[in-house]
Structures are given as C-alpha cells and as structure tokens.
C-alpha cells in the first residue's frame, strides 16, 4: 500500500478490499497516536511511539475477545431451543404486505430433535394492527395441529403482547376477543398447551414461512420435510 496515502484513503482501500481486520488495526493505531498526542498536549507526558502502538493493539485484542464471548452468550440466549422429550414445539409468525393488501402466517411444528414435522405458509387478509395478525398466526397453527393428534405442545411467538394476553386472560373484552376465545378453545384440544415468548432470532423459520405466503394464492403445507424457503434457516438453528 502506498505510504503517501492519507488515513482516509488507506481506510477506503481497505474497505474496498474487504480487509476488515486490517481496517480495525489501522483505526486503533490512529487512535493510539491521537491519544499519545493528547497526553503530550494536555499532560506534558510523552509516550514512546512503540508503547502507544502496543497499548492500542492490546485494546483491540481485548475488545475482540469480549465481542466473541458476548456474541456466543447472546446467540445461546436468543437461539431456537427444541422442546423437552415427549413434547412438540409450534413456532408461529405473521407478515404483512401493505402494498399488496395481503398478509401471511407461517406455523412450523418441530420435535425434540429439531425435525420438521409440519410447515405451513398461508395467505391471509390483513387485519388492523399487528396484534391481530399475530394472534391469527397462533390460531392457524393450533388449528392445523389439532387435526394431527398432538398431545403436548408449546406455542412460541415473538409477539410479546399476544403471548402475555393469552397467558394473562386479559383479552376477553377486547376487539380481538373472538379470536382470543377461539385460540383458548383450541388449546383445550391438547393434553397440555403452553404459550411462550421467543425473540425474533429464535423464530426465524416461522418468519420465513410467513414471508413466503406472499408468493402463494392460498396455502401450502409440507409434511415431514423441509421446504426450500426455510432450509437454510433450519440448518442455521441446528448449528447454533
């Protein structure tokens, strides 16, 4: 690299070459010498150049190690977790496509080994507000599972409002009360039915299925197989 380049030009070249690690090193060294200059101007303390560079590099390495550890802990916390033995997990999500006056829901049922038992993409008429379509996704998922002879089920959604409402029984008198009542009624079809909140990162398979509904006229169901629209996301869940 040309030694006559400015800091900005060097950074631009590293960006263009996708050299992220060297770009980080460049900026942390620049910070190190800026810190050295301020030490001299403000405190009349002159740091040796090599010491300033070494301190900056140690700071970069420490930050990288903390970032790796934090990312690992974050992924563990937010990732999809399989259900306990003898139980199935139903993840659901909804998507809205306002420019096409269309919505979609995407339930997916998996077992304790992460195996996809049922996946569904269904086009829906959009509802006012996001909570309604999220509740409809839960309803459609339970509606499908109720015909399959499932005994114990955990329903996961990334809509905290919907899950809290179902667990707290506080929607009876709301505008969505009828849908809420139908969900609670469907829940009695199972020996055990729990409603649980999951972060979006742990609900991506259902999210992809809901988005896939944009491409279909009515409904598509897959049994004991993984459709192409979620294959990479299922693989990602298994790798975490």
C-alpha atoms as a PDB file:
ATOM      1  CA  UNK A   1       0.000   0.000   0.000  1.00  0.00           C
ATOM      2  CA  UNK A   2       1.304   3.484  -0.946  1.00  0.00           C
ATOM      3  CA  UNK A   3       2.859   5.109   2.140  1.00  0.00           C
ATOM      4  CA  UNK A   4       1.875   8.591   0.873  1.00  0.00           C
ATOM      5  CA  UNK A   5      -1.845   7.891   1.185  1.00  0.00           C
ATOM      6  CA  UNK A   6      -3.877   9.763   3.778  1.00  0.00           C
ATOM      7  CA  UNK A   7      -5.574   7.898   6.610  1.00  0.00           C
ATOM      8  CA  UNK A   8      -8.922   8.282   4.837  1.00  0.00           C
ATOM      9  CA  UNK A   9      -7.528   6.936   1.553  1.00  0.00           C
ATOM     10  CA  UNK A  10      -5.935   3.954   3.288  1.00  0.00           C
ATOM     11  CA  UNK A  11      -9.200   3.191   5.090  1.00  0.00           C
ATOM     12  CA  UNK A  12     -11.114   3.448   1.803  1.00  0.00           C
ATOM     13  CA  UNK A  13      -8.756   0.993   0.103  1.00  0.00           C
ATOM     14  CA  UNK A  14      -9.094  -1.487   2.963  1.00  0.00           C
ATOM     15  CA  UNK A  15     -12.887  -1.217   2.761  1.00  0.00           C
ATOM     16  CA  UNK A  16     -12.830  -1.824  -0.994  1.00  0.00           C
ATOM     17  CA  UNK A  17     -10.651  -4.912  -0.468  1.00  0.00           C
ATOM     18  CA  UNK A  18     -12.900  -6.188   2.341  1.00  0.00           C
ATOM     19  CA  UNK A  19      -9.964  -6.271   4.788  1.00  0.00           C
ATOM     20  CA  UNK A  20     -11.936  -5.686   7.981  1.00  0.00           C
ATOM     21  CA  UNK A  21      -9.236  -6.881  10.390  1.00  0.00           C
ATOM     22  CA  UNK A  22      -6.583  -4.576   8.928  1.00  0.00           C
ATOM     23  CA  UNK A  23      -9.080  -1.714   8.895  1.00  0.00           C
ATOM     24  CA  UNK A  24      -9.675  -2.217  12.631  1.00  0.00           C
ATOM     25  CA  UNK A  25      -5.914  -2.253  13.228  1.00  0.00           C
ATOM     26  CA  UNK A  26      -5.470   0.949  11.223  1.00  0.00           C
ATOM     27  CA  UNK A  27      -8.087   2.849  13.200  1.00  0.00           C
ATOM     28  CA  UNK A  28      -6.974   1.611  16.595  1.00  0.00           C
ATOM     29  CA  UNK A  29      -3.381   2.630  15.794  1.00  0.00           C
ATOM     30  CA  UNK A  30      -4.628   6.041  14.681  1.00  0.00           C
ATOM     31  CA  UNK A  31      -6.486   6.313  17.971  1.00  0.00           C
ATOM     32  CA  UNK A  32      -3.329   5.262  19.835  1.00  0.00           C
ATOM     33  CA  UNK A  33      -1.264   8.068  18.312  1.00  0.00           C
ATOM     34  CA  UNK A  34      -4.097  10.563  18.808  1.00  0.00           C
ATOM     35  CA  UNK A  35      -4.130   9.541  22.486  1.00  0.00           C
ATOM     36  CA  UNK A  36      -0.302   9.943  22.601  1.00  0.00           C
ATOM     37  CA  UNK A  37      -0.590  13.443  21.152  1.00  0.00           C
ATOM     38  CA  UNK A  38      -3.294  14.452  23.674  1.00  0.00           C
ATOM     39  CA  UNK A  39      -1.190  13.088  26.549  1.00  0.00           C
ATOM     40  CA  UNK A  40       1.642  15.368  25.492  1.00  0.00           C
ATOM     41  CA  UNK A  41      -0.524  18.454  24.839  1.00  0.00           C
ATOM     42  CA  UNK A  42      -2.698  18.200  27.957  1.00  0.00           C
ATOM     43  CA  UNK A  43      -0.426  16.480  30.483  1.00  0.00           C
ATOM     44  CA  UNK A  44       3.062  17.126  29.053  1.00  0.00           C
ATOM     45  CA  UNK A  45       3.661  13.377  29.164  1.00  0.00           C
ATOM     46  CA  UNK A  46       5.448  11.922  26.141  1.00  0.00           C
ATOM     47  CA  UNK A  47       4.666   8.276  25.430  1.00  0.00           C
ATOM     48  CA  UNK A  48       7.112   6.272  23.348  1.00  0.00           C
ATOM     49  CA  UNK A  49       5.598   5.573  19.911  1.00  0.00           C
ATOM     50  CA  UNK A  50       6.035   1.821  20.293  1.00  0.00           C
ATOM     51  CA  UNK A  51       4.270   1.929  23.674  1.00  0.00           C
ATOM     52  CA  UNK A  52       1.325   3.861  22.228  1.00  0.00           C
ATOM     53  CA  UNK A  53       1.001   1.351  19.381  1.00  0.00           C
ATOM     54  CA  UNK A  54       1.269  -1.614  21.761  1.00  0.00           C
ATOM     55  CA  UNK A  55      -1.413  -0.212  24.086  1.00  0.00           C
ATOM     56  CA  UNK A  56      -3.742   0.333  21.147  1.00  0.00           C
ATOM     57  CA  UNK A  57      -3.174  -3.196  19.840  1.00  0.00           C
ATOM     58  CA  UNK A  58      -3.801  -4.748  23.275  1.00  0.00           C
ATOM     59  CA  UNK A  59      -7.036  -2.768  23.488  1.00  0.00           C
ATOM     60  CA  UNK A  60      -8.110  -4.105  20.086  1.00  0.00           C
ATOM     61  CA  UNK A  61      -7.366  -7.715  21.061  1.00  0.00           C
ATOM     62  CA  UNK A  62      -9.218  -7.354  24.366  1.00  0.00           C
ATOM     63  CA  UNK A  63     -12.258  -5.924  22.604  1.00  0.00           C
ATOM     64  CA  UNK A  64     -12.228  -8.773  20.068  1.00  0.00           C
ATOM     65  CA  UNK A  65     -12.141 -11.416  22.813  1.00  0.00           C
ATOM     66  CA  UNK A  66     -15.011  -9.774  24.710  1.00  0.00           C
ATOM     67  CA  UNK A  67     -17.030  -9.440  21.488  1.00  0.00           C
ATOM     68  CA  UNK A  68     -16.617 -13.141  20.674  1.00  0.00           C
ATOM     69  CA  UNK A  69     -17.666 -14.158  24.185  1.00  0.00           C
ATOM     70  CA  UNK A  70     -20.616 -11.750  24.196  1.00  0.00           C
ATOM     71  CA  UNK A  71     -21.788 -12.914  20.757  1.00  0.00           C
ATOM     72  CA  UNK A  72     -21.620 -16.546  21.876  1.00  0.00           C
ATOM     73  CA  UNK A  73     -23.650 -15.799  25.006  1.00  0.00           C
ATOM     74  CA  UNK A  74     -26.162 -13.738  23.007  1.00  0.00           C
ATOM     75  CA  UNK A  75     -26.696 -16.481  20.421  1.00  0.00           C
ATOM     76  CA  UNK A  76     -27.214 -19.035  23.174  1.00  0.00           C
ATOM     77  CA  UNK A  77     -29.832 -16.806  24.791  1.00  0.00           C
ATOM     78  CA  UNK A  78     -31.744 -15.876  21.640  1.00  0.00           C
ATOM     79  CA  UNK A  79     -31.498 -19.052  19.551  1.00  0.00           C
ATOM     80  CA  UNK A  80     -34.293 -21.551  18.979  1.00  0.00           C
ATOM     81  CA  UNK A  81     -34.413 -24.334  21.570  1.00  0.00           C
ATOM     82  CA  UNK A  82     -36.036 -27.730  20.967  1.00  0.00           C
ATOM     83  CA  UNK A  83     -38.906 -28.825  23.232  1.00  0.00           C
ATOM     84  CA  UNK A  84     -38.464 -31.343  26.026  1.00  0.00           C
ATOM     85  CA  UNK A  85     -38.893 -35.059  25.314  1.00  0.00           C
ATOM     86  CA  UNK A  86     -42.470 -36.057  24.558  1.00  0.00           C
ATOM     87  CA  UNK A  87     -43.452 -32.528  23.577  1.00  0.00           C
ATOM     88  CA  UNK A  88     -43.684 -30.695  20.253  1.00  0.00           C
ATOM     89  CA  UNK A  89     -42.975 -27.026  19.633  1.00  0.00           C
ATOM     90  CA  UNK A  90     -45.081 -24.854  17.345  1.00  0.00           C
ATOM     91  CA  UNK A  91     -43.403 -21.634  16.239  1.00  0.00           C
ATOM     92  CA  UNK A  92     -45.621 -19.076  14.545  1.00  0.00           C
ATOM     93  CA  UNK A  93     -45.156 -15.703  12.921  1.00  0.00           C
ATOM     94  CA  UNK A  94     -47.043 -13.293  10.700  1.00  0.00           C
ATOM     95  CA  UNK A  95     -46.077 -10.904   7.925  1.00  0.00           C
ATOM     96  CA  UNK A  96     -47.955  -8.016   6.336  1.00  0.00           C
ATOM     97  CA  UNK A  97     -47.536  -6.812   2.752  1.00  0.00           C
ATOM     98  CA  UNK A  98     -49.416  -3.476   2.757  1.00  0.00           C
ATOM     99  CA  UNK A  99     -48.571  -2.565  -0.825  1.00  0.00           C
ATOM    100  CA  UNK A 100     -50.421  -5.708  -1.965  1.00  0.00           C
ATOM    101  CA  UNK A 101     -53.193  -5.593   0.656  1.00  0.00           C
ATOM    102  CA  UNK A 102     -52.112  -9.043   1.770  1.00  0.00           C
ATOM    103  CA  UNK A 103     -50.796 -10.790   4.874  1.00  0.00           C
ATOM    104  CA  UNK A 104     -49.342 -14.195   5.634  1.00  0.00           C
ATOM    105  CA  UNK A 105     -48.848 -16.594   8.525  1.00  0.00           C
ATOM    106  CA  UNK A 106     -46.203 -19.267   8.946  1.00  0.00           C
ATOM    107  CA  UNK A 107     -46.539 -22.013  11.577  1.00  0.00           C
ATOM    108  CA  UNK A 108     -43.862 -24.710  11.871  1.00  0.00           C
ATOM    109  CA  UNK A 109     -44.003 -27.772  14.150  1.00  0.00           C
ATOM    110  CA  UNK A 110     -40.777 -29.439  15.322  1.00  0.00           C
ATOM    111  CA  UNK A 111     -39.918 -32.250  17.718  1.00  0.00           C
ATOM    112  CA  UNK A 112     -37.264 -32.618  20.428  1.00  0.00           C
ATOM    113  CA  UNK A 113     -34.622 -33.362  17.779  1.00  0.00           C
ATOM    114  CA  UNK A 114     -35.450 -30.293  15.721  1.00  0.00           C
ATOM    115  CA  UNK A 115     -37.063 -32.378  12.977  1.00  0.00           C
ATOM    116  CA  UNK A 116     -39.688 -30.504  10.977  1.00  0.00           C
ATOM    117  CA  UNK A 117     -42.990 -32.375  11.255  1.00  0.00           C
ATOM    118  CA  UNK A 118     -45.199 -29.758   9.643  1.00  0.00           C
ATOM    119  CA  UNK A 119     -44.572 -26.415   7.951  1.00  0.00           C
ATOM    120  CA  UNK A 120     -47.227 -24.117   6.554  1.00  0.00           C
ATOM    121  CA  UNK A 121     -47.434 -20.897   4.561  1.00  0.00           C
ATOM    122  CA  UNK A 122     -50.869 -19.347   4.327  1.00  0.00           C
ATOM    123  CA  UNK A 123     -52.049 -16.131   2.720  1.00  0.00           C
ATOM    124  CA  UNK A 124     -54.463 -14.056   4.803  1.00  0.00           C
ATOM    125  CA  UNK A 125     -56.473 -10.856   4.563  1.00  0.00           C
ATOM    126  CA  UNK A 126     -54.609  -8.160   6.537  1.00  0.00           C
ATOM    127  CA  UNK A 127     -56.045  -7.075   9.870  1.00  0.00           C
ATOM    128  CA  UNK A 128     -55.893  -3.698  11.559  1.00  0.00           C
ATOM    129  CA  UNK A 129     -52.908  -3.588  13.884  1.00  0.00           C
ATOM    130  CA  UNK A 130     -50.114  -6.117  14.205  1.00  0.00           C
ATOM    131  CA  UNK A 131     -51.520  -7.958  17.222  1.00  0.00           C
ATOM    132  CA  UNK A 132     -54.500  -9.278  15.276  1.00  0.00           C
ATOM    133  CA  UNK A 133     -52.457 -10.961  12.563  1.00  0.00           C
ATOM    134  CA  UNK A 134     -50.044 -12.350  15.170  1.00  0.00           C
ATOM    135  CA  UNK A 135     -52.981 -13.919  17.029  1.00  0.00           C
ATOM    136  CA  UNK A 136     -54.291 -15.275  13.735  1.00  0.00           C
ATOM    137  CA  UNK A 137     -50.919 -16.966  13.160  1.00  0.00           C
ATOM    138  CA  UNK A 138     -51.257 -18.698  16.542  1.00  0.00           C
ATOM    139  CA  UNK A 139     -54.824 -19.718  15.709  1.00  0.00           C
ATOM    140  CA  UNK A 140     -53.885 -21.158  12.295  1.00  0.00           C
ATOM    141  CA  UNK A 141     -51.006 -23.109  13.779  1.00  0.00           C
ATOM    142  CA  UNK A 142     -53.102 -24.631  16.554  1.00  0.00           C
ATOM    143  CA  UNK A 143     -55.920 -25.288  14.091  1.00  0.00           C
ATOM    144  CA  UNK A 144     -53.554 -27.375  11.970  1.00  0.00           C
ATOM    145  CA  UNK A 145     -52.016 -29.216  14.928  1.00  0.00           C
ATOM    146  CA  UNK A 146     -55.416 -30.039  16.442  1.00  0.00           C
ATOM    147  CA  UNK A 147     -56.106 -32.362  13.489  1.00  0.00           C
ATOM    148  CA  UNK A 148     -52.792 -34.212  13.901  1.00  0.00           C
ATOM    149  CA  UNK A 149     -53.319 -35.951  17.227  1.00  0.00           C
ATOM    150  CA  UNK A 150     -50.676 -33.877  19.016  1.00  0.00           C
ATOM    151  CA  UNK A 151     -50.833 -34.281  22.814  1.00  0.00           C
ATOM    152  CA  UNK A 152     -48.349 -31.871  24.370  1.00  0.00           C
ATOM    153  CA  UNK A 153     -47.433 -28.654  22.617  1.00  0.00           C
ATOM    154  CA  UNK A 154     -45.534 -25.439  23.295  1.00  0.00           C
ATOM    155  CA  UNK A 155     -46.564 -22.465  21.171  1.00  0.00           C
ATOM    156  CA  UNK A 156     -43.867 -19.853  20.596  1.00  0.00           C
ATOM    157  CA  UNK A 157     -44.369 -16.402  19.091  1.00  0.00           C
ATOM    158  CA  UNK A 158     -42.172 -13.309  19.013  1.00  0.00           C
ATOM    159  CA  UNK A 159     -45.255 -11.166  19.707  1.00  0.00           C
ATOM    160  CA  UNK A 160     -44.887 -10.483  23.421  1.00  0.00           C
ATOM    161  CA  UNK A 161     -48.244  -8.673  23.561  1.00  0.00           C
ATOM    162  CA  UNK A 162     -50.078 -11.700  22.165  1.00  0.00           C
ATOM    163  CA  UNK A 163     -48.355 -14.204  24.449  1.00  0.00           C
ATOM    164  CA  UNK A 164     -48.878 -12.064  27.552  1.00  0.00           C
ATOM    165  CA  UNK A 165     -52.547 -11.591  26.680  1.00  0.00           C
ATOM    166  CA  UNK A 166     -53.090 -15.332  26.246  1.00  0.00           C
ATOM    167  CA  UNK A 167     -51.312 -16.161  29.488  1.00  0.00           C
ATOM    168  CA  UNK A 168     -52.990 -13.390  31.499  1.00  0.00           C
ATOM    169  CA  UNK A 169     -56.529 -13.959  30.158  1.00  0.00           C
ATOM    170  CA  UNK A 170     -56.989 -10.232  29.607  1.00  0.00           C
ATOM    171  CA  UNK A 171     -58.416 -10.069  26.087  1.00  0.00           C
ATOM    172  CA  UNK A 172     -61.976 -11.263  26.663  1.00  0.00           C
ATOM    173  CA  UNK A 173     -63.492  -7.801  26.272  1.00  0.00           C
ATOM    174  CA  UNK A 174     -61.137  -6.525  23.569  1.00  0.00           C
ATOM    175  CA  UNK A 175     -61.841  -6.096  19.842  1.00  0.00           C
ATOM    176  CA  UNK A 176     -59.865  -9.302  19.282  1.00  0.00           C
ATOM    177  CA  UNK A 177     -61.819 -11.157  21.947  1.00  0.00           C
ATOM    178  CA  UNK A 178     -63.436 -13.598  19.497  1.00  0.00           C
ATOM    179  CA  UNK A 179     -60.078 -14.670  18.067  1.00  0.00           C
ATOM    180  CA  UNK A 180     -58.647 -14.883  21.570  1.00  0.00           C
ATOM    181  CA  UNK A 181     -61.578 -17.091  22.637  1.00  0.00           C
ATOM    182  CA  UNK A 182     -61.083 -19.417  19.651  1.00  0.00           C
ATOM    183  CA  UNK A 183     -57.390 -19.835  20.469  1.00  0.00           C
ATOM    184  CA  UNK A 184     -58.137 -20.701  24.088  1.00  0.00           C
ATOM    185  CA  UNK A 185     -60.820 -23.119  22.910  1.00  0.00           C
ATOM    186  CA  UNK A 186     -58.367 -24.826  20.531  1.00  0.00           C
ATOM    187  CA  UNK A 187     -55.831 -25.103  23.360  1.00  0.00           C
ATOM    188  CA  UNK A 188     -58.215 -27.447  25.190  1.00  0.00           C
ATOM    189  CA  UNK A 189     -57.833 -29.970  22.343  1.00  0.00           C
ATOM    190  CA  UNK A 190     -54.381 -30.829  23.714  1.00  0.00           C
ATOM    191  CA  UNK A 191     -53.405 -32.539  26.947  1.00  0.00           C
ATOM    192  CA  UNK A 192     -51.042 -29.638  27.572  1.00  0.00           C
ATOM    193  CA  UNK A 193     -50.680 -26.372  25.663  1.00  0.00           C
ATOM    194  CA  UNK A 194     -48.255 -23.680  26.807  1.00  0.00           C
ATOM    195  CA  UNK A 195     -47.788 -20.224  25.284  1.00  0.00           C
ATOM    196  CA  UNK A 196     -44.253 -18.860  25.349  1.00  0.00           C
ATOM    197  CA  UNK A 197     -42.474 -15.778  24.022  1.00  0.00           C
ATOM    198  CA  UNK A 198     -39.352 -16.151  21.888  1.00  0.00           C
ATOM    199  CA  UNK A 199     -37.095 -13.451  20.471  1.00  0.00           C
ATOM    200  CA  UNK A 200     -37.172 -12.863  16.719  1.00  0.00           C
ATOM    201  CA  UNK A 201     -33.758 -14.515  16.335  1.00  0.00           C
ATOM    202  CA  UNK A 202     -35.231 -17.764  17.671  1.00  0.00           C
ATOM    203  CA  UNK A 203     -38.308 -17.551  15.455  1.00  0.00           C
ATOM    204  CA  UNK A 204     -36.752 -17.118  12.037  1.00  0.00           C
ATOM    205  CA  UNK A 205     -38.098 -20.349  10.498  1.00  0.00           C
ATOM    206  CA  UNK A 206     -41.680 -19.251  11.170  1.00  0.00           C
ATOM    207  CA  UNK A 207     -40.778 -15.750   9.961  1.00  0.00           C
ATOM    208  CA  UNK A 208     -39.545 -17.141   6.625  1.00  0.00           C
ATOM    209  CA  UNK A 209     -42.713 -19.201   6.193  1.00  0.00           C
ATOM    210  CA  UNK A 210     -44.870 -16.141   6.852  1.00  0.00           C
ATOM    211  CA  UNK A 211     -42.896 -14.129   4.296  1.00  0.00           C
ATOM    212  CA  UNK A 212     -43.237 -16.989   1.815  1.00  0.00           C
ATOM    213  CA  UNK A 213     -47.026 -16.538   1.891  1.00  0.00           C
ATOM    214  CA  UNK A 214     -46.524 -13.518  -0.360  1.00  0.00           C
ATOM    215  CA  UNK A 215     -45.823 -15.921  -3.246  1.00  0.00           C
ATOM    216  CA  UNK A 216     -48.871 -18.155  -2.860  1.00  0.00           C
ATOM    217  CA  UNK A 217     -52.580 -17.767  -3.544  1.00  0.00           C
ATOM    218  CA  UNK A 218     -53.991 -19.669  -0.581  1.00  0.00           C
ATOM    219  CA  UNK A 219     -51.991 -22.211   1.435  1.00  0.00           C
ATOM    220  CA  UNK A 220     -49.100 -24.662   1.156  1.00  0.00           C
ATOM    221  CA  UNK A 221     -48.382 -27.386   3.716  1.00  0.00           C
ATOM    222  CA  UNK A 222     -45.285 -29.582   3.952  1.00  0.00           C
ATOM    223  CA  UNK A 223     -45.246 -32.812   5.964  1.00  0.00           C
ATOM    224  CA  UNK A 224     -42.059 -34.332   7.403  1.00  0.00           C
ATOM    225  CA  UNK A 225     -39.850 -32.386   5.020  1.00  0.00           C
ATOM    226  CA  UNK A 226     -38.103 -29.033   4.818  1.00  0.00           C
ATOM    227  CA  UNK A 227     -39.275 -26.677   2.049  1.00  0.00           C
ATOM    228  CA  UNK A 228     -36.630 -24.690   0.213  1.00  0.00           C
ATOM    229  CA  UNK A 229     -37.807 -21.383   1.668  1.00  0.00           C
ATOM    230  CA  UNK A 230     -36.678 -22.407   5.181  1.00  0.00           C
ATOM    231  CA  UNK A 231     -33.900 -24.941   4.504  1.00  0.00           C
ATOM    232  CA  UNK A 232     -31.013 -22.585   5.320  1.00  0.00           C
ATOM    233  CA  UNK A 233     -32.758 -21.209   8.412  1.00  0.00           C
ATOM    234  CA  UNK A 234     -33.471 -24.694   9.789  1.00  0.00           C
ATOM    235  CA  UNK A 235     -29.830 -25.609   9.184  1.00  0.00           C
ATOM    236  CA  UNK A 236     -28.743 -22.436  10.999  1.00  0.00           C
ATOM    237  CA  UNK A 237     -30.919 -23.317  14.018  1.00  0.00           C
ATOM    238  CA  UNK A 238     -29.312 -26.764  14.154  1.00  0.00           C
ATOM    239  CA  UNK A 239     -25.785 -25.326  14.005  1.00  0.00           C
ATOM    240  CA  UNK A 240     -26.175 -22.855  16.883  1.00  0.00           C
END
